């Protein structure tokens, strides 16, 4: 976003990555799970974090 009035210049993530992030809702995970995922949360790649989510959160 930029300008006055604000307008979208470019997206930080692709639409697919945005959908993954919205599905994961990592901000609702318990503290221990977030601690376990810190290296993935600090990474610019979304897919490894989504794989973690599928294995550790979604399937439990």
PDB file of N, CA and C in Angstrom:
ATOM      1  N   UNK A   1       0.848  -1.174   0.000  1.00  0.00           N
ATOM      2  CA  UNK A   1       0.000   0.000   0.000  1.00  0.00           C
ATOM      3  C   UNK A   1       0.890   1.232   0.000  1.00  0.00           C
ATOM      4  N   UNK A   2       0.396   2.241  -0.615  1.00  0.00           N
ATOM      5  CA  UNK A   2       1.128   3.495  -0.623  1.00  0.00           C
ATOM      6  C   UNK A   2       0.277   4.605  -1.197  1.00  0.00           C
ATOM      7  N   UNK A   3       0.721   5.822  -0.983  1.00  0.00           N
ATOM      8  CA  UNK A   3       0.043   6.972  -1.546  1.00  0.00           C
ATOM      9  C   UNK A   3      -1.021   7.546  -0.638  1.00  0.00           C
ATOM     10  N   UNK A   4      -1.583   8.664  -1.083  1.00  0.00           N
ATOM     11  CA  UNK A   4      -2.651   9.305  -0.349  1.00  0.00           C
ATOM     12  C   UNK A   4      -3.681   9.775  -1.370  1.00  0.00           C
ATOM     13  N   UNK A   5      -4.819   9.166  -1.484  1.00  0.00           N
ATOM     14  CA  UNK A   5      -5.292   8.043  -0.673  1.00  0.00           C
ATOM     15  C   UNK A   5      -4.530   6.757  -0.983  1.00  0.00           C
ATOM     16  N   UNK A   6      -4.515   5.861  -0.001  1.00  0.00           N
ATOM     17  CA  UNK A   6      -3.761   4.612  -0.135  1.00  0.00           C
ATOM     18  C   UNK A   6      -4.304   3.773  -1.285  1.00  0.00           C
ATOM     19  N   UNK A   7      -3.383   3.140  -1.992  1.00  0.00           N
ATOM     20  CA  UNK A   7      -3.773   2.213  -3.049  1.00  0.00           C
ATOM     21  C   UNK A   7      -2.790   1.047  -3.048  1.00  0.00           C
ATOM     22  N   UNK A   8      -3.268  -0.092  -3.517  1.00  0.00           N
ATOM     23  CA  UNK A   8      -2.411  -1.275  -3.563  1.00  0.00           C
ATOM     24  C   UNK A   8      -1.380  -1.104  -4.669  1.00  0.00           C
ATOM     25  N   UNK A   9      -0.111  -1.285  -4.293  1.00  0.00           N
ATOM     26  CA  UNK A   9       0.977  -1.210  -5.261  1.00  0.00           C
ATOM     27  C   UNK A   9       1.354  -2.617  -5.710  1.00  0.00           C
ATOM     28  N   UNK A  10       1.583  -3.486  -4.734  1.00  0.00           N
ATOM     29  CA  UNK A  10       1.840  -4.894  -5.024  1.00  0.00           C
ATOM     30  C   UNK A  10       1.570  -5.702  -3.767  1.00  0.00           C
ATOM     31  N   UNK A  11       1.361  -6.991  -3.946  1.00  0.00           N
ATOM     32  CA  UNK A  11       1.123  -7.882  -2.816  1.00  0.00           C
ATOM     33  C   UNK A  11       2.446  -8.472  -2.361  1.00  0.00           C
ATOM     34  N   UNK A  12       2.557  -8.681  -1.061  1.00  0.00           N
ATOM     35  CA  UNK A  12       3.751  -9.316  -0.505  1.00  0.00           C
ATOM     36  C   UNK A  12       3.740 -10.812  -0.790  1.00  0.00           C
ATOM     37  N   UNK A  13       2.554 -11.414  -0.773  1.00  0.00           N
ATOM     38  CA  UNK A  13       2.392 -12.847  -0.972  1.00  0.00           C
ATOM     39  C   UNK A  13       1.492 -13.101  -2.175  1.00  0.00           C
ATOM     40  N   UNK A  14       1.629 -14.298  -2.757  1.00  0.00           N
ATOM     41  CA  UNK A  14       0.732 -14.703  -3.835  1.00  0.00           C
ATOM     42  C   UNK A  14      -0.642 -15.014  -3.238  1.00  0.00           C
ATOM     43  N   UNK A  15      -1.655 -15.114  -4.083  1.00  0.00           N
ATOM     44  CA  UNK A  15      -2.993 -15.463  -3.599  1.00  0.00           C
ATOM     45  C   UNK A  15      -2.994 -16.830  -2.928  1.00  0.00           C
ATOM     46  N   UNK A  16      -2.232 -17.774  -3.462  1.00  0.00           N
ATOM     47  CA  UNK A  16      -2.131 -19.110  -2.865  1.00  0.00           C
ATOM     48  C   UNK A  16      -1.522 -19.026  -1.470  1.00  0.00           C
ATOM     49  N   UNK A  17      -0.452 -18.253  -1.318  1.00  0.00           N
ATOM     50  CA  UNK A  17       0.191 -18.101  -0.010  1.00  0.00           C
ATOM     51  C   UNK A  17      -0.739 -17.405   0.978  1.00  0.00           C
ATOM     52  N   UNK A  18      -1.481 -16.428   0.514  1.00  0.00           N
ATOM     53  CA  UNK A  18      -2.447 -15.742   1.380  1.00  0.00           C
ATOM     54  C   UNK A  18      -3.494 -16.726   1.879  1.00  0.00           C
ATOM     55  N   UNK A  19      -3.993 -17.584   0.997  1.00  0.00           N
ATOM     56  CA  UNK A  19      -4.981 -18.592   1.404  1.00  0.00           C
ATOM     57  C   UNK A  19      -4.392 -19.559   2.423  1.00  0.00           C
ATOM     58  N   UNK A  20      -3.129 -19.958   2.236  1.00  0.00           N
ATOM     59  CA  UNK A  20      -2.473 -20.849   3.201  1.00  0.00           C
ATOM     60  C   UNK A  20      -2.367 -20.166   4.565  1.00  0.00           C
ATOM     61  N   UNK A  21      -1.913 -18.925   4.579  1.00  0.00           N
ATOM     62  CA  UNK A  21      -1.769 -18.190   5.837  1.00  0.00           C
ATOM     63  C   UNK A  21      -3.113 -18.010   6.533  1.00  0.00           C
ATOM     64  N   UNK A  22      -4.145 -17.723   5.778  1.00  0.00           N
ATOM     65  CA  UNK A  22      -5.473 -17.555   6.370  1.00  0.00           C
ATOM     66  C   UNK A  22      -5.996 -18.870   6.944  1.00  0.00           C
ATOM     67  N   UNK A  23      -5.733 -19.978   6.258  1.00  0.00           N
ATOM     68  CA  UNK A  23      -6.173 -21.279   6.768  1.00  0.00           C
ATOM     69  C   UNK A  23      -5.429 -21.653   8.043  1.00  0.00           C
ATOM     70  N   UNK A  24      -4.127 -21.391   8.080  1.00  0.00           N
ATOM     71  CA  UNK A  24      -3.309 -21.800   9.229  1.00  0.00           C
ATOM     72  C   UNK A  24      -3.678 -21.074  10.512  1.00  0.00           C
ATOM     73  N   UNK A  25      -4.016 -19.788  10.414  1.00  0.00           N
ATOM     74  CA  UNK A  25      -4.313 -18.982  11.605  1.00  0.00           C
ATOM     75  C   UNK A  25      -3.275 -19.239  12.698  1.00  0.00           C
ATOM     76  N   UNK A  26      -1.993 -19.137  12.336  1.00  0.00           N
ATOM     77  CA  UNK A  26      -0.906 -19.447  13.265  1.00  0.00           C
ATOM     78  C   UNK A  26      -0.992 -18.620  14.540  1.00  0.00           C
ATOM     79  N   UNK A  27      -1.598 -17.468  14.468  1.00  0.00           N
ATOM     80  CA  UNK A  27      -1.706 -16.590  15.639  1.00  0.00           C
ATOM     81  C   UNK A  27      -2.662 -17.146  16.689  1.00  0.00           C
ATOM     82  N   UNK A  28      -3.424 -18.182  16.351  1.00  0.00           N
ATOM     83  CA  UNK A  28      -4.315 -18.837  17.307  1.00  0.00           C
ATOM     84  C   UNK A  28      -3.709 -20.115  17.887  1.00  0.00           C
ATOM     85  N   UNK A  29      -2.510 -20.496  17.449  1.00  0.00           N
ATOM     86  CA  UNK A  29      -1.870 -21.705  17.963  1.00  0.00           C
ATOM     87  C   UNK A  29      -1.455 -21.490  19.415  1.00  0.00           C
ATOM     88  N   UNK A  30      -1.338 -22.609  20.156  1.00  0.00           N
ATOM     89  CA  UNK A  30      -0.857 -22.476  21.530  1.00  0.00           C
ATOM     90  C   UNK A  30       0.639 -22.140  21.531  1.00  0.00           C
ATOM     91  N   UNK A  31       1.082 -21.610  22.648  1.00  0.00           N
ATOM     92  CA  UNK A  31       2.444 -21.086  22.773  1.00  0.00           C
ATOM     93  C   UNK A  31       3.512 -22.127  22.440  1.00  0.00           C
ATOM     94  N   UNK A  32       3.335 -23.358  22.889  1.00  0.00           N
ATOM     95  CA  UNK A  32       4.338 -24.404  22.638  1.00  0.00           C
ATOM     96  C   UNK A  32       4.458 -24.726  21.153  1.00  0.00           C
ATOM     97  N   UNK A  33       3.362 -24.736  20.461  1.00  0.00           N
ATOM     98  CA  UNK A  33       3.383 -25.004  19.020  1.00  0.00           C
ATOM     99  C   UNK A  33       4.073 -23.863  18.270  1.00  0.00           C
ATOM    100  N   UNK A  34       3.824 -22.643  18.705  1.00  0.00           N
ATOM    101  CA  UNK A  34       4.496 -21.493  18.083  1.00  0.00           C
ATOM    102  C   UNK A  34       6.002 -21.571  18.322  1.00  0.00           C
ATOM    103  N   UNK A  35       6.410 -21.917  19.540  1.00  0.00           N
ATOM    104  CA  UNK A  35       7.845 -22.058  19.832  1.00  0.00           C
ATOM    105  C   UNK A  35       8.478 -23.103  18.925  1.00  0.00           C
ATOM    106  N   UNK A  36       7.776 -24.197  18.714  1.00  0.00           N
ATOM    107  CA  UNK A  36       8.278 -25.269  17.856  1.00  0.00           C
ATOM    108  C   UNK A  36       8.412 -24.803  16.401  1.00  0.00           C
ATOM    109  N   UNK A  37       7.566 -23.871  15.991  1.00  0.00           N
ATOM    110  CA  UNK A  37       7.533 -23.421  14.598  1.00  0.00           C
ATOM    111  C   UNK A  37       8.335 -22.143  14.345  1.00  0.00           C
ATOM    112  N   UNK A  38       9.018 -21.605  15.354  1.00  0.00           N
ATOM    113  CA  UNK A  38       9.732 -20.331  15.188  1.00  0.00           C
ATOM    114  C   UNK A  38      10.659 -20.314  13.974  1.00  0.00           C
ATOM    115  N   UNK A  39      11.480 -21.346  13.737  1.00  0.00           N
ATOM    116  CA  UNK A  39      12.338 -21.287  12.541  1.00  0.00           C
ATOM    117  C   UNK A  39      11.531 -21.163  11.244  1.00  0.00           C
ATOM    118  N   UNK A  40      10.382 -21.808  11.190  1.00  0.00           N
ATOM    119  CA  UNK A  40       9.536 -21.730   9.994  1.00  0.00           C
ATOM    120  C   UNK A  40       8.818 -20.387   9.902  1.00  0.00           C
ATOM    121  N   UNK A  41       8.404 -19.860  11.048  1.00  0.00           N
ATOM    122  CA  UNK A  41       7.741 -18.557  11.064  1.00  0.00           C
ATOM    123  C   UNK A  41       8.705 -17.437  10.686  1.00  0.00           C
ATOM    124  N   UNK A  42       9.990 -17.663  10.931  1.00  0.00           N
ATOM    125  CA  UNK A  42      11.019 -16.662  10.608  1.00  0.00           C
ATOM    126  C   UNK A  42      11.507 -16.765   9.174  1.00  0.00           C
ATOM    127  N   UNK A  43      11.103 -17.791   8.489  1.00  0.00           N
ATOM    128  CA  UNK A  43      11.548 -18.035   7.119  1.00  0.00           C
ATOM    129  C   UNK A  43      10.641 -17.312   6.123  1.00  0.00           C
ATOM    130  N   UNK A  44      11.191 -16.898   4.983  1.00  0.00           N
ATOM    131  CA  UNK A  44      10.337 -16.265   3.973  1.00  0.00           C
ATOM    132  C   UNK A  44       9.460 -17.257   3.197  1.00  0.00           C
ATOM    133  N   UNK A  45       9.744 -18.554   3.328  1.00  0.00           N
ATOM    134  CA  UNK A  45       8.987 -19.576   2.594  1.00  0.00           C
ATOM    135  C   UNK A  45       7.734 -19.967   3.380  1.00  0.00           C
ATOM    136  N   UNK A  46       6.597 -19.977   2.722  1.00  0.00           N
ATOM    137  CA  UNK A  46       5.319 -20.308   3.356  1.00  0.00           C
ATOM    138  C   UNK A  46       5.044 -21.811   3.317  1.00  0.00           C
ATOM    139  N   UNK A  47       5.465 -22.491   2.250  1.00  0.00           N
ATOM    140  CA  UNK A  47       5.122 -23.908   2.091  1.00  0.00           C
ATOM    141  C   UNK A  47       5.638 -24.799   3.223  1.00  0.00           C
ATOM    142  N   UNK A  48       6.878 -24.637   3.706  1.00  0.00           N
ATOM    143  CA  UNK A  48       7.308 -25.471   4.831  1.00  0.00           C
ATOM    144  C   UNK A  48       6.466 -25.237   6.089  1.00  0.00           C
ATOM    145  N   UNK A  49       6.057 -24.005   6.321  1.00  0.00           N
ATOM    146  CA  UNK A  49       5.191 -23.708   7.458  1.00  0.00           C
ATOM    147  C   UNK A  49       3.830 -24.365   7.265  1.00  0.00           C
ATOM    148  N   UNK A  50       3.314 -24.353   6.056  1.00  0.00           N
ATOM    149  CA  UNK A  50       2.029 -24.990   5.781  1.00  0.00           C
ATOM    150  C   UNK A  50       2.130 -26.502   5.964  1.00  0.00           C
ATOM    151  N   UNK A  51       3.245 -27.101   5.569  1.00  0.00           N
ATOM    152  CA  UNK A  51       3.460 -28.534   5.801  1.00  0.00           C
ATOM    153  C   UNK A  51       3.473 -28.832   7.296  1.00  0.00           C
ATOM    154  N   UNK A  52       4.148 -27.994   8.077  1.00  0.00           N
ATOM    155  CA  UNK A  52       4.161 -28.135   9.533  1.00  0.00           C
ATOM    156  C   UNK A  52       2.734 -28.074  10.073  1.00  0.00           C
ATOM    157  N   UNK A  53       1.976 -27.110   9.600  1.00  0.00           N
ATOM    158  CA  UNK A  53       0.582 -26.952  10.019  1.00  0.00           C
ATOM    159  C   UNK A  53      -0.226 -28.214   9.717  1.00  0.00           C
ATOM    160  N   UNK A  54      -0.079 -28.748   8.508  1.00  0.00           N
ATOM    161  CA  UNK A  54      -0.839 -29.946   8.131  1.00  0.00           C
ATOM    162  C   UNK A  54      -0.475 -31.126   9.021  1.00  0.00           C
ATOM    163  N   UNK A  55       0.799 -31.265   9.376  1.00  0.00           N
ATOM    164  CA  UNK A  55       1.249 -32.403  10.176  1.00  0.00           C
ATOM    165  C   UNK A  55       1.007 -32.230  11.667  1.00  0.00           C
ATOM    166  N   UNK A  56       1.170 -31.020  12.180  1.00  0.00           N
ATOM    167  CA  UNK A  56       1.133 -30.794  13.624  1.00  0.00           C
ATOM    168  C   UNK A  56      -0.191 -30.239  14.151  1.00  0.00           C
ATOM    169  N   UNK A  57      -0.931 -29.555  13.314  1.00  0.00           N
ATOM    170  CA  UNK A  57      -2.135 -28.873  13.793  1.00  0.00           C
ATOM    171  C   UNK A  57      -3.396 -29.469  13.186  1.00  0.00           C
ATOM    172  N   UNK A  58      -3.465 -29.467  11.881  1.00  0.00           N
ATOM    173  CA  UNK A  58      -4.687 -29.862  11.180  1.00  0.00           C
ATOM    174  C   UNK A  58      -5.046 -31.320  11.418  1.00  0.00           C
ATOM    175  N   UNK A  59      -4.076 -32.189  11.459  1.00  0.00           N
ATOM    176  CA  UNK A  59      -4.335 -33.625  11.570  1.00  0.00           C
ATOM    177  C   UNK A  59      -4.403 -34.117  13.007  1.00  0.00           C
ATOM    178  N   UNK A  60      -4.469 -33.215  13.967  1.00  0.00           N
ATOM    179  CA  UNK A  60      -4.558 -33.647  15.374  1.00  0.00           C
ATOM    180  C   UNK A  60      -5.945 -33.472  15.903  1.00  0.00           C
TER     181      UNK A  60
END
